[in-house]
Amino acid sequence: MSADQLRQAGDASLAGLFGQYHADLVRLAVLIVGDQPTAEDVVQDVFTGLHARSGRPGRAGEEMAYLRACVINGCRSVLRRRIISGRFGRLQGESVETGDQRSAEAELILAEDRRQVLVALAGLPARRREVLVLRYWLGLSETEIAATLGISKGTVKSTAARGIAALAKALGEAP
């Protein structure tokens, strides 16, 4: 086969995979990123990247697993970008929107409070820490957290409750 024939065969194979798995991959991405348009963009980026690379994704018979991994990685990138833009927006919003200028003492107290929370959070078991970060830092729903971590919704609820109680205890607050 010539290079053009191999490319055409790869394109046809990729088009078949797109037709077969697109809807499932978008549903997966929606669960992770939380909205349909972004999920569709992530899946589109995965297939665009695969097309540019040419060739069949993953090993024969394992294409779906490979595509899922690519979509999850794309979703993680989106969530990282959201975190960064959220931080930047909050920093900008504090001084621009409110016009408040906090005193050095107020900033120091706020920084110390944050440090204490981060220390208490770091002391939690990994699963509790992950659930709390996904819930309260990223604002993901219980369903999204369950999908992201591969656990049940009930486990998310109980883990979050135990994590909050442990943080309250570590910070010396009433649960």
N, C-alpha and C. Protein backbone atom coordinates (compact mmCIF):
# COMPACT_ATOMS: atom_id res chain seq x y z
N MET A 1 0.83 -1.18 0.00
CA MET A 1 0.00 0.00 0.00
C MET A 1 0.87 1.25 0.00
N SER A 2 0.41 2.24 -0.72
CA SER A 2 1.14 3.50 -0.76
C SER A 2 0.80 4.30 0.50
N ALA A 3 1.52 5.38 0.70
CA ALA A 3 1.28 6.24 1.86
C ALA A 3 -0.12 6.85 1.80
N ASP A 4 -0.56 7.22 0.58
CA ASP A 4 -1.90 7.79 0.43
C ASP A 4 -2.97 6.77 0.77
N GLN A 5 -2.76 5.53 0.34
CA GLN A 5 -3.74 4.48 0.62
C GLN A 5 -3.80 4.18 2.12
N LEU A 6 -2.64 4.17 2.78
CA LEU A 6 -2.62 3.96 4.23
C LEU A 6 -3.34 5.10 4.94
N ARG A 7 -3.11 6.32 4.48
CA ARG A 7 -3.74 7.49 5.08
C ARG A 7 -5.27 7.42 4.90
N GLN A 8 -5.72 7.04 3.72
CA GLN A 8 -7.15 6.93 3.47
C GLN A 8 -7.78 5.83 4.32
N ALA A 9 -7.07 4.72 4.46
CA ALA A 9 -7.58 3.63 5.30
C ALA A 9 -7.65 4.08 6.76
N GLY A 10 -6.64 4.83 7.21
CA GLY A 10 -6.64 5.36 8.57
C GLY A 10 -7.77 6.35 8.79
N ASP A 11 -8.02 7.20 7.79
CA ASP A 11 -9.11 8.17 7.88
C ASP A 11 -10.46 7.46 7.97
N ALA A 12 -10.64 6.44 7.16
CA ALA A 12 -11.90 5.69 7.18
C ALA A 12 -12.08 4.99 8.52
N SER A 13 -10.99 4.44 9.05
CA SER A 13 -11.05 3.77 10.35
C SER A 13 -11.40 4.78 11.44
N LEU A 14 -10.76 5.95 11.40
CA LEU A 14 -11.02 6.98 12.39
C LEU A 14 -12.46 7.50 12.28
N ALA A 15 -12.94 7.64 11.06
CA ALA A 15 -14.32 8.08 10.86
C ALA A 15 -15.29 7.05 11.44
N GLY A 16 -14.97 5.78 11.27
CA GLY A 16 -15.81 4.73 11.84
C GLY A 16 -15.82 4.78 13.35
N LEU A 17 -14.64 4.98 13.94
CA LEU A 17 -14.55 5.09 15.41
C LEU A 17 -15.33 6.31 15.89
N PHE A 18 -15.21 7.41 15.16
CA PHE A 18 -15.94 8.63 15.51
C PHE A 18 -17.45 8.37 15.53
N GLY A 19 -17.93 7.77 14.46
CA GLY A 19 -19.36 7.47 14.38
C GLY A 19 -19.83 6.53 15.46
N GLN A 20 -18.98 5.57 15.79
CA GLN A 20 -19.36 4.54 16.75
C GLN A 20 -19.30 5.03 18.20
N TYR A 21 -18.30 5.82 18.53
CA TYR A 21 -18.05 6.15 19.93
C TYR A 21 -18.27 7.60 20.32
N HIS A 22 -18.53 8.47 19.36
CA HIS A 22 -18.63 9.90 19.66
C HIS A 22 -19.60 10.21 20.79
N ALA A 23 -20.81 9.72 20.70
CA ALA A 23 -21.84 10.02 21.71
C ALA A 23 -21.42 9.55 23.11
N ASP A 24 -20.86 8.35 23.18
CA ASP A 24 -20.41 7.82 24.48
C ASP A 24 -19.28 8.67 25.06
N LEU A 25 -18.37 9.10 24.21
CA LEU A 25 -17.24 9.91 24.67
C LEU A 25 -17.70 11.30 25.13
N VAL A 26 -18.67 11.86 24.44
CA VAL A 26 -19.21 13.15 24.86
C VAL A 26 -19.89 13.02 26.21
N ARG A 27 -20.66 11.94 26.41
CA ARG A 27 -21.32 11.72 27.71
C ARG A 27 -20.27 11.60 28.82
N LEU A 28 -19.20 10.89 28.55
CA LEU A 28 -18.12 10.76 29.53
C LEU A 28 -17.55 12.13 29.86
N ALA A 29 -17.26 12.91 28.84
CA ALA A 29 -16.67 14.24 29.06
C ALA A 29 -17.63 15.17 29.80
N VAL A 30 -18.93 15.07 29.50
CA VAL A 30 -19.91 15.90 30.20
C VAL A 30 -19.87 15.62 31.69
N LEU A 31 -19.74 14.35 32.06
CA LEU A 31 -19.69 13.99 33.47
C LEU A 31 -18.47 14.58 34.16
N ILE A 32 -17.40 14.73 33.43
CA ILE A 32 -16.18 15.23 34.05
C ILE A 32 -16.13 16.76 34.05
N VAL A 33 -16.42 17.39 32.91
CA VAL A 33 -16.29 18.85 32.82
C VAL A 33 -17.57 19.59 33.18
N GLY A 34 -18.72 18.91 33.10
CA GLY A 34 -19.94 19.52 33.57
C GLY A 34 -20.79 20.28 32.57
N ASP A 35 -20.35 20.40 31.32
CA ASP A 35 -21.21 21.05 30.35
C ASP A 35 -20.99 20.47 28.96
N GLN A 36 -22.08 20.45 28.19
CA GLN A 36 -22.10 19.81 26.88
C GLN A 36 -21.14 20.46 25.87
N PRO A 37 -21.14 21.79 25.71
CA PRO A 37 -20.25 22.38 24.69
C PRO A 37 -18.78 22.09 24.94
N THR A 38 -18.35 22.20 26.17
CA THR A 38 -16.94 21.91 26.48
C THR A 38 -16.64 20.44 26.24
N ALA A 39 -17.55 19.57 26.62
CA ALA A 39 -17.37 18.13 26.41
C ALA A 39 -17.22 17.83 24.92
N GLU A 40 -18.06 18.44 24.10
CA GLU A 40 -17.97 18.22 22.66
C GLU A 40 -16.63 18.73 22.12
N ASP A 41 -16.17 19.86 22.64
CA ASP A 41 -14.87 20.39 22.21
C ASP A 41 -13.73 19.45 22.56
N VAL A 42 -13.79 18.87 23.75
CA VAL A 42 -12.74 17.94 24.18
C VAL A 42 -12.69 16.73 23.25
N VAL A 43 -13.86 16.15 22.97
CA VAL A 43 -13.91 14.97 22.09
C VAL A 43 -13.45 15.35 20.68
N GLN A 44 -13.88 16.50 20.22
CA GLN A 44 -13.45 16.96 18.89
C GLN A 44 -11.93 17.12 18.85
N ASP A 45 -11.35 17.69 19.89
CA ASP A 45 -9.89 17.86 19.94
C ASP A 45 -9.18 16.52 19.92
N VAL A 46 -9.73 15.53 20.61
CA VAL A 46 -9.12 14.20 20.61
C VAL A 46 -9.10 13.63 19.20
N PHE A 47 -10.23 13.67 18.52
CA PHE A 47 -10.28 13.11 17.16
C PHE A 47 -9.45 13.93 16.18
N THR A 48 -9.39 15.24 16.37
CA THR A 48 -8.55 16.08 15.50
C THR A 48 -7.08 15.71 15.70
N GLY A 49 -6.68 15.53 16.94
CA GLY A 49 -5.30 15.13 17.21
C GLY A 49 -4.97 13.77 16.63
N LEU A 50 -5.90 12.84 16.72
CA LEU A 50 -5.68 11.51 16.16
C LEU A 50 -5.60 11.57 14.63
N HIS A 51 -6.42 12.41 14.03
CA HIS A 51 -6.39 12.55 12.57
C HIS A 51 -5.05 13.14 12.12
N ALA A 52 -4.57 14.13 12.83
CA ALA A 52 -3.30 14.76 12.48
C ALA A 52 -2.14 13.77 12.62
N ARG A 53 -2.27 12.88 13.57
CA ARG A 53 -1.23 11.88 13.82
C ARG A 53 -1.29 10.75 12.82
N SER A 54 -2.44 10.49 12.30
CA SER A 54 -2.75 9.37 11.39
C SER A 54 -2.43 8.02 12.01
N GLY A 55 -3.09 7.03 11.56
CA GLY A 55 -2.91 5.69 12.13
C GLY A 55 -4.04 5.38 13.09
N ARG A 56 -4.16 4.15 13.44
CA ARG A 56 -5.24 3.68 14.30
C ARG A 56 -4.87 3.95 15.75
N PRO A 57 -5.81 4.48 16.53
CA PRO A 57 -5.51 4.77 17.93
C PRO A 57 -5.47 3.50 18.77
N GLY A 58 -4.46 3.39 19.58
CA GLY A 58 -4.36 2.24 20.48
C GLY A 58 -4.13 0.93 19.75
N ARG A 59 -4.11 -0.13 20.51
CA ARG A 59 -3.95 -1.47 19.93
C ARG A 59 -5.28 -1.97 19.40
N ALA A 60 -5.20 -2.90 18.48
CA ALA A 60 -6.42 -3.47 17.91
C ALA A 60 -7.29 -4.05 19.02
N GLY A 61 -8.55 -3.68 19.02
CA GLY A 61 -9.48 -4.15 20.03
C GLY A 61 -9.51 -3.30 21.29
N GLU A 62 -8.56 -2.37 21.44
CA GLU A 62 -8.49 -1.52 22.63
C GLU A 62 -8.68 -0.05 22.29
N GLU A 63 -9.30 0.22 21.16
CA GLU A 63 -9.45 1.59 20.70
C GLU A 63 -10.29 2.42 21.67
N MET A 64 -11.39 1.84 22.16
CA MET A 64 -12.27 2.59 23.05
C MET A 64 -11.56 2.97 24.34
N ALA A 65 -10.78 2.07 24.89
CA ALA A 65 -10.03 2.38 26.11
C ALA A 65 -9.04 3.52 25.85
N TYR A 66 -8.40 3.48 24.69
CA TYR A 66 -7.46 4.53 24.33
C TYR A 66 -8.19 5.86 24.17
N LEU A 67 -9.32 5.83 23.48
CA LEU A 67 -10.10 7.06 23.28
C LEU A 67 -10.60 7.62 24.61
N ARG A 68 -11.06 6.74 25.50
CA ARG A 68 -11.51 7.19 26.83
C ARG A 68 -10.37 7.87 27.58
N ALA A 69 -9.21 7.26 27.55
CA ALA A 69 -8.05 7.84 28.23
C ALA A 69 -7.72 9.22 27.66
N CYS A 70 -7.77 9.35 26.33
CA CYS A 70 -7.50 10.64 25.70
C CYS A 70 -8.53 11.68 26.12
N VAL A 71 -9.80 11.29 26.16
CA VAL A 71 -10.86 12.22 26.55
C VAL A 71 -10.70 12.63 28.02
N ILE A 72 -10.40 11.69 28.88
CA ILE A 72 -10.21 12.02 30.30
C ILE A 72 -9.03 12.97 30.47
N ASN A 73 -7.94 12.72 29.75
CA ASN A 73 -6.80 13.64 29.83
C ASN A 73 -7.17 15.02 29.32
N GLY A 74 -7.95 15.08 28.25
CA GLY A 74 -8.41 16.37 27.74
C GLY A 74 -9.28 17.09 28.75
N CYS A 75 -10.14 16.34 29.43
CA CYS A 75 -11.00 16.92 30.46
C CYS A 75 -10.17 17.44 31.64
N ARG A 76 -9.16 16.72 32.01
CA ARG A 76 -8.29 17.17 33.10
C ARG A 76 -7.62 18.49 32.73
N SER A 77 -7.22 18.62 31.48
CA SER A 77 -6.63 19.88 31.03
C SER A 77 -7.63 21.02 31.13
N VAL A 78 -8.87 20.76 30.73
CA VAL A 78 -9.91 21.78 30.83
C VAL A 78 -10.13 22.19 32.28
N LEU A 79 -10.20 21.21 33.17
CA LEU A 79 -10.42 21.52 34.58
C LEU A 79 -9.25 22.30 35.17
N ARG A 80 -8.02 21.97 34.75
CA ARG A 80 -6.86 22.74 35.21
C ARG A 80 -6.94 24.18 34.74
N ARG A 81 -7.33 24.37 33.48
CA ARG A 81 -7.46 25.74 32.96
C ARG A 81 -8.55 26.50 33.72
N ARG A 82 -9.64 25.82 34.07
CA ARG A 82 -10.70 26.48 34.84
C ARG A 82 -10.20 26.92 36.21
N ILE A 83 -9.40 26.08 36.82
CA ILE A 83 -8.86 26.43 38.14
C ILE A 83 -8.01 27.69 38.03
N ILE A 84 -7.13 27.69 37.06
CA ILE A 84 -6.23 28.83 36.89
C ILE A 84 -7.01 30.10 36.57
N SER A 85 -7.96 30.01 35.65
CA SER A 85 -8.74 31.20 35.31
C SER A 85 -9.60 31.64 36.49
N GLY A 86 -10.10 30.68 37.27
CA GLY A 86 -10.87 31.02 38.46
C GLY A 86 -10.03 31.75 39.48
N ARG A 87 -8.81 31.30 39.67
CA ARG A 87 -7.91 31.99 40.60
C ARG A 87 -7.64 33.40 40.12
N PHE A 88 -7.34 33.53 38.86
CA PHE A 88 -7.03 34.83 38.31
C PHE A 88 -8.23 35.75 38.41
N GLY A 89 -9.41 35.23 38.09
CA GLY A 89 -10.62 36.03 38.17
C GLY A 89 -10.92 36.49 39.58
N ARG A 90 -10.71 35.60 40.55
CA ARG A 90 -10.94 35.99 41.94
C ARG A 90 -9.95 37.06 42.37
N LEU A 91 -8.70 36.90 41.96
CA LEU A 91 -7.71 37.90 42.32
C LEU A 91 -8.05 39.25 41.71
N GLN A 92 -8.44 39.24 40.45
CA GLN A 92 -8.81 40.48 39.77
C GLN A 92 -10.08 41.05 40.37
N GLY A 93 -11.05 40.18 40.64
CA GLY A 93 -12.35 40.62 41.13
C GLY A 93 -12.29 41.24 42.51
N GLU A 94 -11.39 40.78 43.35
CA GLU A 94 -11.32 41.31 44.70
C GLU A 94 -10.96 42.79 44.71
N SER A 95 -10.00 43.17 43.90
CA SER A 95 -9.56 44.55 43.95
C SER A 95 -10.32 45.44 42.97
N VAL A 96 -10.72 44.92 41.82
CA VAL A 96 -11.36 45.75 40.81
C VAL A 96 -12.83 45.94 41.10
N GLU A 97 -13.57 44.85 41.34
CA GLU A 97 -15.02 44.93 41.49
C GLU A 97 -15.43 45.57 42.80
N THR A 98 -14.82 45.18 43.88
CA THR A 98 -15.26 45.68 45.17
C THR A 98 -14.60 47.00 45.53
N GLY A 99 -13.43 47.23 44.99
CA GLY A 99 -12.72 48.45 45.31
C GLY A 99 -12.10 48.39 46.70
N ASP A 100 -12.24 47.27 47.39
CA ASP A 100 -11.68 47.13 48.73
C ASP A 100 -10.17 46.98 48.68
N GLN A 101 -9.56 47.67 49.57
CA GLN A 101 -8.13 47.46 49.78
C GLN A 101 -8.01 46.97 51.21
N ARG A 102 -7.61 45.71 51.34
CA ARG A 102 -7.48 45.15 52.68
C ARG A 102 -6.19 45.63 53.30
N SER A 103 -6.22 45.72 54.59
CA SER A 103 -5.01 46.10 55.31
C SER A 103 -4.02 44.94 55.28
N ALA A 104 -2.80 45.25 55.57
CA ALA A 104 -1.77 44.22 55.61
C ALA A 104 -2.10 43.18 56.68
N GLU A 105 -2.68 43.64 57.80
CA GLU A 105 -3.04 42.73 58.87
C GLU A 105 -4.15 41.77 58.42
N ALA A 106 -5.15 42.30 57.71
CA ALA A 106 -6.25 41.47 57.22
C ALA A 106 -5.74 40.43 56.22
N GLU A 107 -4.84 40.84 55.35
CA GLU A 107 -4.25 39.92 54.38
C GLU A 107 -3.45 38.83 55.10
N LEU A 108 -2.73 39.20 56.13
CA LEU A 108 -1.94 38.23 56.90
C LEU A 108 -2.85 37.23 57.60
N ILE A 109 -3.93 37.69 58.18
CA ILE A 109 -4.89 36.79 58.85
C ILE A 109 -5.51 35.84 57.84
N LEU A 110 -5.91 36.37 56.69
CA LEU A 110 -6.49 35.54 55.64
C LEU A 110 -5.49 34.50 55.16
N ALA A 111 -4.25 34.90 54.97
CA ALA A 111 -3.21 33.96 54.53
C ALA A 111 -2.98 32.87 55.57
N GLU A 112 -3.01 33.23 56.84
CA GLU A 112 -2.82 32.24 57.91
C GLU A 112 -3.99 31.27 57.96
N ASP A 113 -5.21 31.78 57.79
CA ASP A 113 -6.39 30.90 57.75
C ASP A 113 -6.28 29.91 56.61
N ARG A 114 -5.90 30.39 55.44
CA ARG A 114 -5.73 29.51 54.28
C ARG A 114 -4.66 28.46 54.53
N ARG A 115 -3.57 28.88 55.14
CA ARG A 115 -2.48 27.95 55.43
C ARG A 115 -2.95 26.85 56.36
N GLN A 116 -3.72 27.21 57.37
CA GLN A 116 -4.23 26.22 58.32
C GLN A 116 -5.17 25.23 57.63
N VAL A 117 -6.01 25.73 56.76
CA VAL A 117 -6.93 24.84 56.03
C VAL A 117 -6.13 23.90 55.13
N LEU A 118 -5.13 24.44 54.44
CA LEU A 118 -4.31 23.60 53.56
C LEU A 118 -3.55 22.54 54.34
N VAL A 119 -3.05 22.88 55.50
CA VAL A 119 -2.35 21.91 56.34
C VAL A 119 -3.32 20.82 56.80
N ALA A 120 -4.52 21.24 57.25
CA ALA A 120 -5.53 20.26 57.69
C ALA A 120 -5.96 19.38 56.51
N LEU A 121 -6.12 19.97 55.35
CA LEU A 121 -6.51 19.23 54.16
C LEU A 121 -5.43 18.21 53.78
N ALA A 122 -4.18 18.61 53.88
CA ALA A 122 -3.08 17.71 53.55
C ALA A 122 -3.01 16.52 54.51
N GLY A 123 -3.54 16.69 55.72
CA GLY A 123 -3.53 15.61 56.70
C GLY A 123 -4.63 14.58 56.50
N LEU A 124 -5.55 14.85 55.59
CA LEU A 124 -6.63 13.90 55.34
C LEU A 124 -6.16 12.75 54.45
N PRO A 125 -6.83 11.61 54.53
CA PRO A 125 -6.54 10.53 53.58
C PRO A 125 -6.80 11.01 52.15
N ALA A 126 -6.13 10.42 51.20
CA ALA A 126 -6.18 10.87 49.81
C ALA A 126 -7.60 10.94 49.26
N ARG A 127 -8.42 9.93 49.49
CA ARG A 127 -9.78 9.92 48.93
C ARG A 127 -10.59 11.08 49.47
N ARG A 128 -10.52 11.33 50.79
CA ARG A 128 -11.28 12.44 51.38
C ARG A 128 -10.80 13.78 50.81
N ARG A 129 -9.50 13.92 50.71
CA ARG A 129 -8.92 15.16 50.17
C ARG A 129 -9.39 15.38 48.73
N GLU A 130 -9.35 14.32 47.91
CA GLU A 130 -9.78 14.43 46.51
C GLU A 130 -11.25 14.83 46.42
N VAL A 131 -12.11 14.19 47.20
CA VAL A 131 -13.53 14.49 47.16
C VAL A 131 -13.78 15.94 47.57
N LEU A 132 -13.15 16.39 48.64
CA LEU A 132 -13.36 17.76 49.11
C LEU A 132 -12.84 18.78 48.10
N VAL A 133 -11.70 18.51 47.51
CA VAL A 133 -11.16 19.44 46.52
C VAL A 133 -12.07 19.50 45.30
N LEU A 134 -12.50 18.34 44.82
CA LEU A 134 -13.39 18.33 43.65
C LEU A 134 -14.72 19.02 43.96
N ARG A 135 -15.22 18.83 45.16
CA ARG A 135 -16.53 19.39 45.52
C ARG A 135 -16.45 20.89 45.81
N TYR A 136 -15.52 21.29 46.65
CA TYR A 136 -15.53 22.67 47.13
C TYR A 136 -14.55 23.58 46.40
N TRP A 137 -13.55 23.04 45.78
CA TRP A 137 -12.63 23.89 45.02
C TRP A 137 -13.08 23.99 43.57
N LEU A 138 -13.39 22.84 42.94
CA LEU A 138 -13.85 22.85 41.56
C LEU A 138 -15.35 23.03 41.43
N GLY A 139 -16.08 22.75 42.50
CA GLY A 139 -17.52 22.91 42.45
C GLY A 139 -18.23 21.83 41.66
N LEU A 140 -17.63 20.63 41.57
CA LEU A 140 -18.27 19.54 40.83
C LEU A 140 -19.42 18.96 41.64
N SER A 141 -20.38 18.43 40.94
CA SER A 141 -21.52 17.77 41.59
C SER A 141 -21.09 16.39 42.09
N GLU A 142 -21.94 15.79 42.91
CA GLU A 142 -21.64 14.45 43.41
C GLU A 142 -21.53 13.45 42.27
N THR A 143 -22.38 13.61 41.27
CA THR A 143 -22.35 12.72 40.11
C THR A 143 -21.03 12.86 39.36
N GLU A 144 -20.59 14.08 39.17
CA GLU A 144 -19.33 14.33 38.47
C GLU A 144 -18.14 13.79 39.25
N ILE A 145 -18.17 13.96 40.56
CA ILE A 145 -17.08 13.45 41.39
C ILE A 145 -17.05 11.93 41.32
N ALA A 146 -18.21 11.31 41.41
CA ALA A 146 -18.28 9.85 41.33
C ALA A 146 -17.70 9.35 40.01
N ALA A 147 -18.05 10.02 38.93
CA ALA A 147 -17.53 9.62 37.61
C ALA A 147 -16.03 9.84 37.51
N THR A 148 -15.56 10.94 38.04
CA THR A 148 -14.14 11.26 37.96
C THR A 148 -13.29 10.27 38.75
N LEU A 149 -13.77 9.93 39.95
CA LEU A 149 -12.99 9.06 40.83
C LEU A 149 -13.33 7.59 40.69
N GLY A 150 -14.39 7.28 39.94
CA GLY A 150 -14.77 5.89 39.75
C GLY A 150 -15.36 5.27 41.00
N ILE A 151 -16.13 6.07 41.76
CA ILE A 151 -16.78 5.57 42.97
C ILE A 151 -18.27 5.87 42.86
N SER A 152 -19.05 5.34 43.79
CA SER A 152 -20.49 5.57 43.75
C SER A 152 -20.82 6.94 44.35
N LYS A 153 -22.01 7.42 44.02
CA LYS A 153 -22.48 8.70 44.53
C LYS A 153 -22.60 8.66 46.05
N GLY A 154 -23.04 7.53 46.60
CA GLY A 154 -23.15 7.37 48.04
C GLY A 154 -21.79 7.47 48.73
N THR A 155 -20.78 6.90 48.09
CA THR A 155 -19.43 6.99 48.63
C THR A 155 -18.94 8.43 48.62
N VAL A 156 -19.30 9.17 47.57
CA VAL A 156 -18.92 10.58 47.51
C VAL A 156 -19.55 11.33 48.69
N LYS A 157 -20.84 11.09 48.95
CA LYS A 157 -21.54 11.78 50.04
C LYS A 157 -20.92 11.46 51.39
N SER A 158 -20.71 10.18 51.66
CA SER A 158 -20.18 9.80 52.97
C SER A 158 -18.73 10.26 53.14
N THR A 159 -17.95 10.19 52.07
CA THR A 159 -16.56 10.63 52.14
C THR A 159 -16.49 12.13 52.37
N ALA A 160 -17.34 12.89 51.72
CA ALA A 160 -17.36 14.35 51.91
C ALA A 160 -17.75 14.69 53.34
N ALA A 161 -18.76 14.01 53.87
CA ALA A 161 -19.20 14.27 55.24
C ALA A 161 -18.09 13.96 56.24
N ARG A 162 -17.43 12.83 56.05
CA ARG A 162 -16.32 12.48 56.95
C ARG A 162 -15.15 13.45 56.81
N GLY A 163 -14.89 13.89 55.59
CA GLY A 163 -13.81 14.84 55.35
C GLY A 163 -14.07 16.18 56.01
N ILE A 164 -15.30 16.67 55.90
CA ILE A 164 -15.67 17.93 56.53
C ILE A 164 -15.55 17.82 58.05
N ALA A 165 -16.02 16.72 58.60
CA ALA A 165 -15.93 16.51 60.05
C ALA A 165 -14.47 16.47 60.50
N ALA A 166 -13.62 15.81 59.73
CA ALA A 166 -12.20 15.73 60.08
C ALA A 166 -11.53 17.10 59.97
N LEU A 167 -11.90 17.88 58.94
CA LEU A 167 -11.34 19.23 58.82
C LEU A 167 -11.79 20.11 59.99
N ALA A 168 -13.06 20.03 60.34
CA ALA A 168 -13.56 20.82 61.45
C ALA A 168 -12.83 20.48 62.75
N LYS A 169 -12.61 19.20 62.95
CA LYS A 169 -11.90 18.77 64.16
C LYS A 169 -10.46 19.29 64.14
N ALA A 170 -9.79 19.15 62.97
CA ALA A 170 -8.41 19.60 62.86
C ALA A 170 -8.27 21.11 63.05
N LEU A 171 -9.29 21.84 62.64
CA LEU A 171 -9.25 23.29 62.76
C LEU A 171 -9.84 23.80 64.08
N GLY A 172 -10.30 22.85 64.91
CA GLY A 172 -10.85 23.22 66.21
C GLY A 172 -12.20 23.89 66.15
N GLU A 173 -12.98 23.55 65.11
CA GLU A 173 -14.32 24.13 64.96
C GLU A 173 -15.35 23.05 65.22
N ALA A 174 -16.56 23.47 65.52
CA ALA A 174 -17.65 22.51 65.71
C ALA A 174 -18.05 21.95 64.35
N PRO A 175 -18.27 20.63 64.26
CA PRO A 175 -18.62 20.02 62.97
C PRO A 175 -19.98 20.43 62.47
